[in-house]
Amino acid sequence: MTDPTSRISAASHDRFGESLTVPDDVAGLETLASIAEHRICRSYLDEEVDENLLRLVLASGLSAPSKSD
């Protein structure tokens, strides 16, 4: 399945359970197909996070600048 429209449709079905209708005349379909197919699989340890560290990380995140500042 090398056709970018088919790749985008298949990727959307895999991720969202619904295939998108992709027009053939859209510029950059190859790039959009690469973005749609991109997946990251992470694994996490089954360990508790120290509450003080969690508070510090959350406070730092809340203090970070955002575009609404």
C-alpha atoms as a PDB file:
ATOM      1  CA  MET A   1       0.000   0.000   0.000  1.00  0.00           C
ATOM      2  CA  THR A   2       2.239   2.793  -1.249  1.00  0.00           C
ATOM      3  CA  ASP A   3      -0.502   5.188  -2.336  1.00  0.00           C
ATOM      4  CA  PRO A   4      -0.461   8.075   0.209  1.00  0.00           C
ATOM      5  CA  THR A   5      -4.270   8.424   0.230  1.00  0.00           C
ATOM      6  CA  SER A   6      -4.641   4.736   1.125  1.00  0.00           C
ATOM      7  CA  ARG A   7      -1.930   5.043   3.777  1.00  0.00           C
ATOM      8  CA  ILE A   8      -3.652   8.037   5.408  1.00  0.00           C
ATOM      9  CA  SER A   9      -7.021   6.283   5.339  1.00  0.00           C
ATOM     10  CA  ALA A  10      -5.568   3.099   6.848  1.00  0.00           C
ATOM     11  CA  ALA A  11      -3.672   5.018   9.540  1.00  0.00           C
ATOM     12  CA  SER A  12      -6.802   6.924  10.564  1.00  0.00           C
ATOM     13  CA  HIS A  13      -8.753   3.678  10.725  1.00  0.00           C
ATOM     14  CA  ASP A  14      -6.081   2.031  12.888  1.00  0.00           C
ATOM     15  CA  ARG A  15      -5.937   4.970  15.281  1.00  0.00           C
ATOM     16  CA  PHE A  16      -9.528   6.235  15.385  1.00  0.00           C
ATOM     17  CA  GLY A  17     -11.585   3.309  14.049  1.00  0.00           C
ATOM     18  CA  GLU A  18     -12.760   5.400  11.126  1.00  0.00           C
ATOM     19  CA  SER A  19     -11.288   5.805   7.659  1.00  0.00           C
ATOM     20  CA  LEU A  20     -10.952   9.312   6.278  1.00  0.00           C
ATOM     21  CA  THR A  21     -11.773  10.206   2.707  1.00  0.00           C
ATOM     22  CA  VAL A  22      -8.624  11.820   1.360  1.00  0.00           C
ATOM     23  CA  PRO A  23      -8.825  13.928  -1.811  1.00  0.00           C
ATOM     24  CA  ASP A  24      -6.188  13.086  -4.430  1.00  0.00           C
ATOM     25  CA  ASP A  25      -5.411  16.711  -5.238  1.00  0.00           C
ATOM     26  CA  VAL A  26      -4.132  17.811  -1.814  1.00  0.00           C
ATOM     27  CA  ALA A  27      -0.547  19.050  -1.825  1.00  0.00           C
ATOM     28  CA  GLY A  28       1.896  17.222   0.421  1.00  0.00           C
ATOM     29  CA  LEU A  29       0.057  13.903   0.686  1.00  0.00           C
ATOM     30  CA  GLU A  30       3.310  11.978   1.147  1.00  0.00           C
ATOM     31  CA  THR A  31       4.195  14.163   4.139  1.00  0.00           C
ATOM     32  CA  LEU A  32       0.686  13.862   5.576  1.00  0.00           C
ATOM     33  CA  ALA A  33       0.869  10.079   5.188  1.00  0.00           C
ATOM     34  CA  SER A  34       4.155  10.003   7.115  1.00  0.00           C
ATOM     35  CA  ILE A  35       2.625  12.104   9.890  1.00  0.00           C
ATOM     36  CA  ALA A  36      -0.527   9.946  10.014  1.00  0.00           C
ATOM     37  CA  GLU A  37       1.505   6.722  10.222  1.00  0.00           C
ATOM     38  CA  HIS A  38       3.879   7.974  12.917  1.00  0.00           C
ATOM     39  CA  ARG A  39       3.504   6.041  16.167  1.00  0.00           C
ATOM     40  CA  ILE A  40       5.427   6.058  19.413  1.00  0.00           C
ATOM     41  CA  CYS A  41       5.176   3.205  21.881  1.00  0.00           C
ATOM     42  CA  ARG A  42       6.408   3.998  25.361  1.00  0.00           C
ATOM     43  CA  SER A  43       6.770   1.702  28.290  1.00  0.00           C
ATOM     44  CA  TYR A  44       6.582   2.834  31.888  1.00  0.00           C
ATOM     45  CA  LEU A  45       7.793   1.360  35.129  1.00  0.00           C
ATOM     46  CA  ASP A  46       5.197   0.250  37.634  1.00  0.00           C
ATOM     47  CA  GLU A  47       6.676   2.418  40.394  1.00  0.00           C
ATOM     48  CA  GLU A  48       5.142   5.182  42.468  1.00  0.00           C
ATOM     49  CA  VAL A  49       6.409   8.723  42.000  1.00  0.00           C
ATOM     50  CA  ASP A  50       7.378  10.599  45.145  1.00  0.00           C
ATOM     51  CA  GLU A  51       4.622  13.114  45.957  1.00  0.00           C
ATOM     52  CA  ASN A  52       7.109  15.972  46.475  1.00  0.00           C
ATOM     53  CA  LEU A  53       8.677  15.339  43.066  1.00  0.00           C
ATOM     54  CA  LEU A  54       5.236  15.200  41.457  1.00  0.00           C
ATOM     55  CA  ARG A  55       4.268  18.532  43.069  1.00  0.00           C
ATOM     56  CA  LEU A  56       7.535  20.098  41.880  1.00  0.00           C
ATOM     57  CA  VAL A  57       7.024  18.903  38.290  1.00  0.00           C
ATOM     58  CA  LEU A  58       3.412  20.080  38.214  1.00  0.00           C
ATOM     59  CA  ALA A  59       4.279  23.479  39.741  1.00  0.00           C
ATOM     60  CA  SER A  60       7.061  23.910  37.180  1.00  0.00           C
ATOM     61  CA  GLY A  61       4.676  23.072  34.360  1.00  0.00           C
ATOM     62  CA  LEU A  62       2.068  25.527  35.624  1.00  0.00           C
ATOM     63  CA  SER A  63       4.750  28.216  35.887  1.00  0.00           C
ATOM     64  CA  ALA A  64       6.015  27.714  32.339  1.00  0.00           C
ATOM     65  CA  PRO A  65       5.237  30.458  29.857  1.00  0.00           C
ATOM     66  CA  SER A  66       2.445  29.882  27.408  1.00  0.00           C
ATOM     67  CA  LYS A  67       1.222  31.755  24.386  1.00  0.00           C
ATOM     68  CA  SER A  68      -1.639  33.197  26.452  1.00  0.00           C
ATOM     69  CA  ASP A  69       0.752  34.942  28.880  1.00  0.00           C
END
